[in-house]
Amino acid sequence: MPAAAILRYLLFFSIMGTLSVGAHVYLYRRIFRDTSGHPGWRKAGVVAMAAMCLLMLGSRMLTFVLPEDLASALATVGWAWMGTAVYLMLAFWVLGGVRVVHAWIQRWRSSTAAPAATATTPSPAPAEAPAHTLVSPERRQFLARATAGGALLATSGVVGYGTWRAFHQPAVNRIAVRLPGLPKALDGFTLVQLSDVHVGPVIQRRFMDAVVAQCNALKPDLMVITGDLVDGSVSELGHSVAALANLRSRHGTFFVTGNHEYYSGDEEWTDALERMGIGVLRNRYVRIGEPSASFDLVGVDDWGAARSGYDKRYDLAQAVAGRDPERPSVLLAHQPANWREAAKAGIGLQLSGHTHGGQFFPFNLAISAIWEFDAGHFQENGRHLYVSRGTGFWGPPVRVAAPPEIVHVTLLS
């Protein structure tokens, strides 16, 4: 792995580690310290929060030292806790805000309802604060327990739904795209796109078999996979990914790398996928269809590889070298970057992923703010971009307000 990639990796985990420790200290205070003064309860809270923090941060490392089944189970717990911790903090912030607003309203009502002092009414002694501003320790503890109970209840509901949605059958989103220059003989040609499956400690063979069956039921003319297929080595995940060999389409299956392929060994995965009969497009194109009626399928490496110092990186110029820009074309690119430049190079449709649509609230709002093209279908000057929310998930097995999807594209002449 290049030095730049290692530095980015270390920086990422340093930031994540700092945020995680801070989050767990906050949750310890809200759930354990504020709700009881019992030493045993507080010690249990310290142990529980420390264990969950370490499990969350170290779940990936466990795959190197523990048996596969045990490592997968612990990784699932660690990732699930990450999503739970996020929603617990959100719930505490919301409920805490409600308490602050309620207290402010009570104080305002009390101040406006107090009778104005008159000349004949002696002024009260200022020795004691008004009774409504005093909160007894018992009352404070009761409020802390009520808040913690409400936060746990709300979090259980949201995370339970999000987990069900993450593992449930992905939605099939159907779009029709008028592809410039497409021959009439190919009108109605169908592509099915998978993206961001993230096969790893949590997503394994059972999930992949179900996705393959769902794709085959759509009877596509062509299957495409736009990166971030794996989170682990070929030796770890080869059996699960091998389910893709069962994909069926008239013109086969093609794949491009995402950033997670680089973390997992892009060269090894390129070789493994090609042995499964999957075409890997690394800055090159192939013709799809018959000689008399065809279009170009172009594939590029991940846009972010250059920033991490990898030798093989996004190179659109190399990918389209020798191609007639007037011919109809579809570009597979993991990240929805450089789309406008690709359109200028003659690309009629770009299929991407990477963003996950934010995966779960409130990160979907952050992704919308960061990415101009966050998820869905975009069109400018007759050129098209579709950004998939992803078929699997990364990190917490939670999908809220950004359901997983399989994209079914119909090309129109």
Protein backbone atom coordinates (compact mmCIF):
# COMPACT_ATOMS: atom_id res chain seq x y z
CA MET A 1 0.00 0.00 0.00
CA PRO A 2 1.45 3.42 -0.94
CA ALA A 3 2.67 5.68 1.87
CA ALA A 4 0.01 8.29 1.04
CA ALA A 5 -2.72 5.66 1.40
CA ILE A 6 -1.31 4.53 4.76
CA LEU A 7 -1.24 8.13 6.01
CA ARG A 8 -4.84 8.72 4.91
CA TYR A 9 -5.83 5.47 6.61
CA LEU A 10 -4.10 6.44 9.85
CA LEU A 11 -5.62 9.93 9.75
CA PHE A 12 -9.08 8.49 9.23
CA PHE A 13 -8.78 6.11 12.16
CA SER A 14 -7.25 8.78 14.38
CA ILE A 15 -10.24 11.01 13.78
CA MET A 16 -12.66 8.12 14.19
CA GLY A 17 -10.92 7.04 17.39
CA THR A 18 -11.10 10.51 18.91
CA LEU A 19 -14.77 10.92 18.00
CA SER A 20 -15.59 7.43 19.28
CA VAL A 21 -13.96 7.96 22.67
CA GLY A 22 -15.73 11.29 23.07
CA ALA A 23 -19.07 9.77 22.09
CA HIS A 24 -18.72 6.91 24.57
CA VAL A 25 -17.77 9.26 27.40
CA TYR A 26 -20.88 11.29 26.62
CA LEU A 27 -23.10 8.17 26.56
CA TYR A 28 -21.61 6.91 29.83
CA ARG A 29 -22.57 10.17 31.49
CA ARG A 30 -26.11 10.23 30.13
CA ILE A 31 -26.94 6.54 30.63
CA PHE A 32 -24.96 5.60 33.73
CA ARG A 33 -23.55 8.52 35.72
CA ASP A 34 -26.63 10.76 35.62
CA THR A 35 -29.17 8.02 36.29
CA SER A 36 -27.69 6.56 39.48
CA GLY A 37 -25.05 7.22 42.10
CA HIS A 38 -24.53 3.51 42.83
CA PRO A 39 -20.80 2.66 42.41
CA GLY A 40 -21.53 -0.76 40.93
CA TRP A 41 -23.82 0.71 38.27
CA ARG A 42 -21.24 3.31 37.31
CA LYS A 43 -18.39 0.78 37.16
CA ALA A 44 -20.53 -1.45 34.95
CA GLY A 45 -21.12 1.55 32.70
CA VAL A 46 -17.40 2.26 32.37
CA VAL A 47 -16.70 -1.37 31.46
CA ALA A 48 -19.61 -1.56 29.01
CA MET A 49 -18.77 1.68 27.19
CA ALA A 50 -15.04 0.86 27.04
CA ALA A 51 -15.77 -2.61 25.64
CA MET A 52 -18.19 -1.34 22.99
CA CYS A 53 -15.81 1.42 21.96
CA LEU A 54 -12.93 -1.03 21.53
CA LEU A 55 -15.15 -3.53 19.71
CA MET A 56 -16.42 -0.86 17.34
CA LEU A 57 -12.92 0.40 16.51
CA GLY A 58 -11.27 -3.00 16.35
CA SER A 59 -13.90 -5.12 14.60
CA ARG A 60 -11.92 -5.21 11.35
CA MET A 61 -8.75 -6.34 13.13
CA LEU A 62 -10.59 -9.24 14.75
CA THR A 63 -10.81 -10.99 11.38
CA PHE A 64 -7.04 -11.48 11.47
CA VAL A 65 -6.84 -13.13 14.90
CA LEU A 66 -10.12 -14.96 15.51
CA PRO A 67 -11.97 -17.79 13.75
CA GLU A 68 -14.10 -16.50 10.87
CA ASP A 69 -17.52 -17.17 12.43
CA LEU A 70 -16.61 -15.59 15.77
CA ALA A 71 -14.94 -12.60 14.12
CA SER A 72 -18.00 -12.05 11.91
CA ALA A 73 -20.36 -12.20 14.89
CA LEU A 74 -18.28 -9.72 16.90
CA ALA A 75 -17.88 -7.43 13.89
CA THR A 76 -21.65 -7.42 13.41
CA VAL A 77 -22.13 -6.42 17.06
CA GLY A 78 -19.48 -3.71 16.78
CA TRP A 79 -20.90 -2.17 13.60
CA ALA A 80 -24.46 -2.42 14.90
CA TRP A 81 -23.40 -0.62 18.07
CA MET A 82 -21.94 2.21 15.97
CA GLY A 83 -25.34 2.90 14.43
CA THR A 84 -27.01 2.53 17.81
CA ALA A 85 -24.58 4.98 19.43
CA VAL A 86 -25.26 7.58 16.74
CA TYR A 87 -29.01 7.43 17.30
CA LEU A 88 -28.63 7.38 21.08
CA MET A 89 -26.71 10.64 20.94
CA LEU A 90 -29.27 12.16 18.59
CA ALA A 91 -32.07 11.10 20.91
CA PHE A 92 -30.33 12.56 23.97
CA TRP A 93 -29.72 15.84 22.15
CA VAL A 94 -33.33 16.10 21.03
CA LEU A 95 -34.79 15.18 24.42
CA GLY A 96 -32.31 17.40 26.21
CA GLY A 97 -33.30 20.25 23.93
CA VAL A 98 -36.97 19.64 24.69
CA ARG A 99 -36.20 19.80 28.42
CA VAL A 100 -34.32 23.09 28.01
CA VAL A 101 -37.15 24.64 25.98
CA HIS A 102 -39.75 23.42 28.48
CA ALA A 103 -37.80 24.88 31.40
CA TRP A 104 -37.41 28.18 29.58
CA ILE A 105 -41.16 28.34 28.89
CA GLN A 106 -41.93 27.58 32.54
CA ARG A 107 -39.62 30.35 33.72
CA TRP A 108 -41.13 32.80 31.22
CA ARG A 109 -44.68 31.95 32.31
CA SER A 110 -43.76 32.34 35.96
CA SER A 111 -42.15 35.71 35.38
CA THR A 112 -45.05 37.09 33.34
CA ALA A 113 -47.68 35.73 35.77
CA ALA A 114 -46.08 37.30 38.88
CA PRO A 115 -48.09 40.32 40.14
CA ALA A 116 -46.36 43.64 39.82
CA ALA A 117 -45.05 45.07 43.08
CA THR A 118 -46.96 48.03 44.52
CA ALA A 119 -46.07 50.78 46.97
CA THR A 120 -48.12 49.10 49.71
CA THR A 121 -46.67 45.65 49.08
CA PRO A 122 -43.41 45.04 50.86
CA SER A 123 -40.62 43.73 48.66
CA PRO A 124 -39.67 40.09 49.26
CA ALA A 125 -36.34 39.37 50.83
CA PRO A 126 -33.76 38.48 48.16
CA ALA A 127 -32.12 35.84 50.32
CA GLU A 128 -33.54 32.80 48.46
CA ALA A 129 -33.93 32.05 44.75
CA PRO A 130 -37.46 31.54 43.41
CA ALA A 131 -38.73 28.05 44.14
CA HIS A 132 -39.32 27.21 40.46
CA THR A 133 -35.58 27.61 39.66
CA LEU A 134 -34.56 24.98 42.19
CA VAL A 135 -34.37 21.32 41.13
CA SER A 136 -33.80 18.73 43.84
CA PRO A 137 -31.28 15.93 43.28
CA GLU A 138 -34.16 13.44 43.28
CA ARG A 139 -35.98 15.43 40.60
CA ARG A 140 -32.81 15.75 38.53
CA GLN A 141 -32.19 12.01 38.70
CA PHE A 142 -35.80 11.28 37.77
CA LEU A 143 -35.49 13.51 34.70
CA ALA A 144 -32.19 11.86 33.74
CA ARG A 145 -33.78 8.41 33.98
CA ALA A 146 -36.82 9.48 31.99
CA THR A 147 -34.59 10.98 29.30
CA ALA A 148 -32.39 7.89 29.14
CA GLY A 149 -35.43 5.62 28.94
CA GLY A 150 -36.96 7.72 26.16
CA ALA A 151 -33.67 7.77 24.24
CA LEU A 152 -33.26 3.99 24.51
CA LEU A 153 -36.83 3.38 23.40
CA ALA A 154 -36.62 5.73 20.41
CA THR A 155 -33.23 4.36 19.37
CA SER A 156 -34.47 0.76 19.54
CA GLY A 157 -37.29 1.57 17.15
CA VAL A 158 -35.21 3.46 14.61
CA VAL A 159 -32.24 1.09 14.63
CA GLY A 160 -34.52 -1.95 14.51
CA TYR A 161 -36.21 -0.61 11.39
CA GLY A 162 -32.89 0.44 9.85
CA THR A 163 -31.34 -2.98 10.40
CA TRP A 164 -34.33 -4.73 8.88
CA ARG A 165 -34.13 -2.41 5.86
CA ALA A 166 -30.40 -2.97 5.42
CA PHE A 167 -30.71 -6.76 5.25
CA HIS A 168 -34.07 -6.81 3.49
CA GLN A 169 -34.35 -7.24 -0.26
CA PRO A 170 -33.01 -4.10 -2.02
CA ALA A 171 -35.51 -1.96 -3.91
CA VAL A 172 -35.39 -2.16 -7.70
CA ASN A 173 -35.31 1.35 -9.12
CA ARG A 174 -36.19 1.45 -12.79
CA ILE A 175 -35.11 4.30 -15.03
CA ALA A 176 -35.31 4.85 -18.79
CA VAL A 177 -32.48 6.77 -20.46
CA ARG A 178 -32.46 8.09 -24.01
CA LEU A 179 -28.88 7.32 -24.98
CA PRO A 180 -27.51 9.59 -27.74
CA GLY A 181 -26.73 7.64 -30.90
CA LEU A 182 -28.16 4.31 -29.71
CA PRO A 183 -29.18 2.17 -32.74
CA LYS A 184 -32.89 1.39 -33.04
CA ALA A 185 -32.04 -2.31 -32.88
CA LEU A 186 -30.90 -1.77 -29.28
CA ASP A 187 -33.92 0.24 -28.21
CA GLY A 188 -35.08 -1.33 -24.92
CA PHE A 189 -31.66 -2.77 -24.04
CA THR A 190 -31.50 -3.32 -20.27
CA LEU A 191 -28.64 -3.00 -17.79
CA VAL A 192 -28.78 -3.94 -14.12
CA GLN A 193 -26.38 -2.13 -11.80
CA LEU A 194 -25.02 -3.29 -8.46
CA SER A 195 -22.87 -0.93 -6.45
CA ASP A 196 -21.30 -0.70 -3.00
CA VAL A 197 -22.22 -4.21 -1.91
CA HIS A 198 -19.35 -4.28 0.63
CA VAL A 199 -19.03 -8.02 1.06
CA GLY A 200 -17.12 -8.45 4.31
CA PRO A 201 -17.47 -9.60 7.91
CA VAL A 202 -21.20 -8.78 7.94
CA ILE A 203 -22.38 -9.21 4.33
CA GLN A 204 -21.58 -12.73 3.22
CA ARG A 205 -22.69 -15.57 0.92
CA ARG A 206 -26.34 -15.73 1.96
CA PHE A 207 -26.84 -12.06 1.17
CA MET A 208 -25.02 -12.43 -2.15
CA ASP A 209 -27.06 -15.45 -3.23
CA ALA A 210 -30.27 -13.48 -2.62
CA VAL A 211 -28.99 -10.48 -4.59
CA VAL A 212 -27.92 -12.68 -7.51
CA ALA A 213 -31.34 -14.36 -7.61
CA GLN A 214 -33.04 -10.94 -7.58
CA CYS A 215 -30.86 -9.70 -10.44
CA ASN A 216 -31.41 -12.83 -12.53
CA ALA A 217 -35.17 -12.45 -12.13
CA LEU A 218 -34.89 -9.09 -13.94
CA LYS A 219 -33.44 -10.89 -17.01
CA PRO A 220 -31.00 -8.12 -17.94
CA ASP A 221 -29.10 -7.85 -21.19
CA LEU A 222 -26.03 -6.71 -19.28
CA MET A 223 -24.88 -6.72 -15.62
CA VAL A 224 -22.56 -4.03 -14.26
CA ILE A 225 -20.93 -3.56 -10.83
CA THR A 226 -19.64 -0.08 -10.03
CA GLY A 227 -17.10 -0.70 -7.29
CA ASP A 228 -16.79 -1.18 -3.53
CA LEU A 229 -17.74 -4.81 -3.92
CA VAL A 230 -15.51 -6.05 -1.10
CA ASP A 231 -14.02 -5.21 2.29
CA GLY A 232 -11.39 -7.87 2.71
CA SER A 233 -9.00 -10.18 0.91
CA VAL A 234 -9.71 -12.82 -1.71
CA SER A 235 -8.84 -15.56 0.76
CA GLU A 236 -11.37 -14.20 3.27
CA LEU A 237 -14.23 -13.36 0.93
CA GLY A 238 -13.69 -15.38 -2.23
CA HIS A 239 -16.43 -17.87 -1.36
CA SER A 240 -19.05 -15.17 -0.81
CA VAL A 241 -18.11 -13.15 -3.90
CA ALA A 242 -18.14 -16.34 -6.01
CA ALA A 243 -21.94 -16.09 -5.94
CA LEU A 244 -21.54 -13.49 -8.72
CA ALA A 245 -20.47 -16.27 -11.08
CA ASN A 246 -24.16 -17.26 -11.08
CA LEU A 247 -25.29 -13.94 -12.58
CA ARG A 248 -27.00 -14.46 -15.92
CA SER A 249 -27.29 -11.91 -18.75
CA ARG A 250 -26.97 -11.97 -22.53
CA HIS A 251 -23.77 -9.92 -22.60
CA GLY A 252 -22.13 -10.88 -19.32
CA THR A 253 -21.04 -8.96 -16.23
CA PHE A 254 -18.53 -6.10 -16.02
CA PHE A 255 -16.87 -4.50 -13.00
CA VAL A 256 -14.88 -1.37 -12.12
CA THR A 257 -12.87 -0.73 -8.97
CA GLY A 258 -13.97 1.42 -6.06
CA ASN A 259 -11.83 2.84 -3.28
CA HIS A 260 -12.42 -0.22 -1.07
CA GLU A 261 -10.94 -2.53 -3.70
CA TYR A 262 -7.66 -0.67 -3.28
CA TYR A 263 -7.78 -1.22 0.47
CA SER A 264 -8.50 -4.91 -0.12
CA GLY A 265 -6.01 -5.68 -2.90
CA ASP A 266 -7.15 -4.41 -6.30
CA GLU A 267 -4.81 -6.61 -8.36
CA GLU A 268 -5.77 -9.77 -6.49
CA TRP A 269 -9.47 -9.01 -6.85
CA THR A 270 -9.07 -8.20 -10.54
CA ASP A 271 -7.58 -11.65 -11.12
CA ALA A 272 -10.20 -13.37 -8.94
CA LEU A 273 -13.16 -11.71 -10.65
CA GLU A 274 -11.81 -12.49 -14.11
CA ARG A 275 -11.49 -16.15 -13.09
CA MET A 276 -15.20 -15.99 -12.19
CA GLY A 277 -15.98 -14.84 -15.72
CA ILE A 278 -16.51 -11.17 -14.81
CA GLY A 279 -14.91 -8.60 -17.10
CA VAL A 280 -12.88 -5.96 -15.26
CA LEU A 281 -12.63 -2.60 -17.02
CA ARG A 282 -9.57 -0.73 -15.80
CA ASN A 283 -9.40 2.39 -17.94
CA ARG A 284 -10.55 0.66 -21.09
CA TYR A 285 -13.71 0.02 -23.09
CA VAL A 286 -15.45 -2.87 -24.79
CA ARG A 287 -18.17 -3.00 -27.43
CA ILE A 288 -21.51 -4.45 -26.40
CA GLY A 289 -23.89 -5.88 -28.99
CA GLU A 290 -23.57 -7.05 -32.57
CA PRO A 291 -21.21 -5.44 -35.12
CA SER A 292 -24.19 -3.79 -36.82
CA ALA A 293 -25.77 -2.51 -33.59
CA SER A 294 -23.59 -1.85 -30.55
CA PHE A 295 -22.49 0.68 -27.96
CA ASP A 296 -19.29 1.22 -26.01
CA LEU A 297 -19.08 0.23 -22.35
CA VAL A 298 -16.27 2.26 -20.78
CA GLY A 299 -14.78 1.58 -17.35
CA VAL A 300 -12.39 3.64 -15.23
CA ASP A 301 -10.54 3.03 -11.99
CA ASP A 302 -11.62 4.81 -8.84
CA TRP A 303 -11.35 8.60 -8.84
CA GLY A 304 -9.81 8.68 -5.35
CA ALA A 305 -6.88 6.37 -6.15
CA ALA A 306 -4.69 9.26 -7.30
CA ARG A 307 -4.99 11.05 -3.94
CA SER A 308 -3.79 7.91 -2.17
CA GLY A 309 -0.75 7.45 -4.39
CA TYR A 310 -1.73 4.30 -6.28
CA ASP A 311 -0.15 3.71 -9.68
CA LYS A 312 -3.39 2.50 -11.26
CA ARG A 313 -5.90 5.32 -11.06
CA TYR A 314 -8.74 7.07 -12.86
CA ASP A 315 -7.70 7.80 -16.46
CA LEU A 316 -10.61 8.70 -18.70
CA ALA A 317 -8.32 9.68 -21.59
CA GLN A 318 -6.79 6.20 -21.61
CA ALA A 319 -10.20 4.57 -21.24
CA VAL A 320 -11.63 6.26 -24.35
CA ALA A 321 -8.43 6.24 -26.44
CA GLY A 322 -9.27 5.19 -29.99
CA ARG A 323 -13.01 5.39 -29.44
CA ASP A 324 -15.29 7.30 -31.81
CA PRO A 325 -16.86 9.98 -29.54
CA GLU A 326 -19.99 9.93 -31.71
CA ARG A 327 -20.73 6.34 -30.81
CA PRO A 328 -23.26 5.65 -28.01
CA SER A 329 -21.52 4.98 -24.71
CA VAL A 330 -22.04 4.09 -21.07
CA LEU A 331 -19.34 4.87 -18.48
CA LEU A 332 -18.87 2.87 -15.29
CA ALA A 333 -17.17 5.05 -12.67
CA HIS A 334 -17.36 4.35 -8.95
CA GLN A 335 -17.54 7.97 -7.81
CA PRO A 336 -19.92 10.51 -9.39
CA ALA A 337 -16.95 12.77 -10.08
CA ASN A 338 -15.82 14.24 -13.40
CA TRP A 339 -19.22 13.57 -14.97
CA ARG A 340 -19.36 16.82 -16.92
CA GLU A 341 -15.89 16.19 -18.36
CA ALA A 342 -16.92 12.66 -19.29
CA ALA A 343 -19.99 14.06 -21.05
CA LYS A 344 -17.73 16.40 -23.06
CA ALA A 345 -15.73 13.33 -24.08
CA GLY A 346 -18.90 11.85 -25.61
CA ILE A 347 -20.21 9.75 -22.72
CA GLY A 348 -24.00 9.52 -22.88
CA LEU A 349 -24.63 7.83 -19.51
CA GLN A 350 -22.46 7.47 -16.43
CA LEU A 351 -23.35 4.91 -13.75
CA SER A 352 -21.80 5.52 -10.33
CA GLY A 353 -22.22 4.84 -6.62
CA HIS A 354 -19.93 5.56 -3.65
CA THR A 355 -22.16 7.99 -1.73
CA HIS A 356 -24.63 5.38 -0.38
CA GLY A 357 -27.10 8.27 -0.46
CA GLY A 358 -25.79 8.90 3.05
CA GLN A 359 -26.94 5.39 4.13
CA PHE A 360 -28.84 6.63 7.17
CA PHE A 361 -30.17 9.84 8.65
CA PRO A 362 -28.65 12.36 9.38
CA PHE A 363 -25.70 11.44 7.17
CA ASN A 364 -27.92 11.61 4.09
CA LEU A 365 -28.22 15.35 4.77
CA ALA A 366 -24.43 15.67 5.04
CA ILE A 367 -23.89 13.77 1.79
CA SER A 368 -26.39 16.04 0.02
CA ALA A 369 -24.38 19.03 1.22
CA ILE A 370 -21.00 17.55 0.20
CA TRP A 371 -21.86 15.96 -3.14
CA GLU A 372 -23.54 17.88 -5.93
CA PHE A 373 -24.76 14.56 -7.30
CA ASP A 374 -25.56 12.58 -4.17
CA ALA A 375 -28.05 9.93 -5.34
CA GLY A 376 -30.53 9.39 -8.16
CA HIS A 377 -30.87 10.43 -11.80
CA PHE A 378 -29.32 13.64 -13.12
CA GLN A 379 -29.47 15.04 -16.64
CA GLU A 380 -27.75 17.93 -18.43
CA ASN A 381 -27.70 18.69 -22.14
CA GLY A 382 -29.01 15.25 -23.05
CA ARG A 383 -26.32 13.47 -21.01
CA HIS A 384 -27.20 11.33 -18.01
CA LEU A 385 -25.76 10.35 -14.63
CA TYR A 386 -27.25 7.84 -12.22
CA VAL A 387 -25.78 7.58 -8.70
CA SER A 388 -26.81 4.43 -6.87
CA ARG A 389 -27.45 4.46 -3.12
CA GLY A 390 -25.71 1.09 -3.03
CA THR A 391 -26.90 -2.48 -2.74
CA GLY A 392 -25.30 -3.31 0.61
CA PHE A 393 -23.92 -1.09 3.35
CA TRP A 394 -20.66 -0.10 4.96
CA GLY A 395 -20.15 0.08 8.70
CA PRO A 396 -23.40 0.06 10.68
CA PRO A 397 -25.90 -2.43 9.21
CA VAL A 398 -28.50 0.33 9.16
CA ARG A 399 -30.46 1.99 6.35
CA VAL A 400 -32.75 4.88 7.29
CA ALA A 401 -34.06 7.34 4.67
CA ALA A 402 -31.67 5.84 2.10
CA PRO A 403 -32.83 2.30 1.24
CA PRO A 404 -30.51 -0.07 -0.65
CA GLU A 405 -31.16 -0.49 -4.34
CA ILE A 406 -30.58 -2.45 -7.50
CA VAL A 407 -30.76 -0.18 -10.54
CA HIS A 408 -32.56 -1.35 -13.69
CA VAL A 409 -31.73 0.85 -16.67
CA THR A 410 -33.58 0.68 -19.98
CA LEU A 411 -31.74 2.32 -22.88
CA LEU A 412 -33.87 4.11 -25.47
CA SER A 413 -32.78 5.11 -28.96
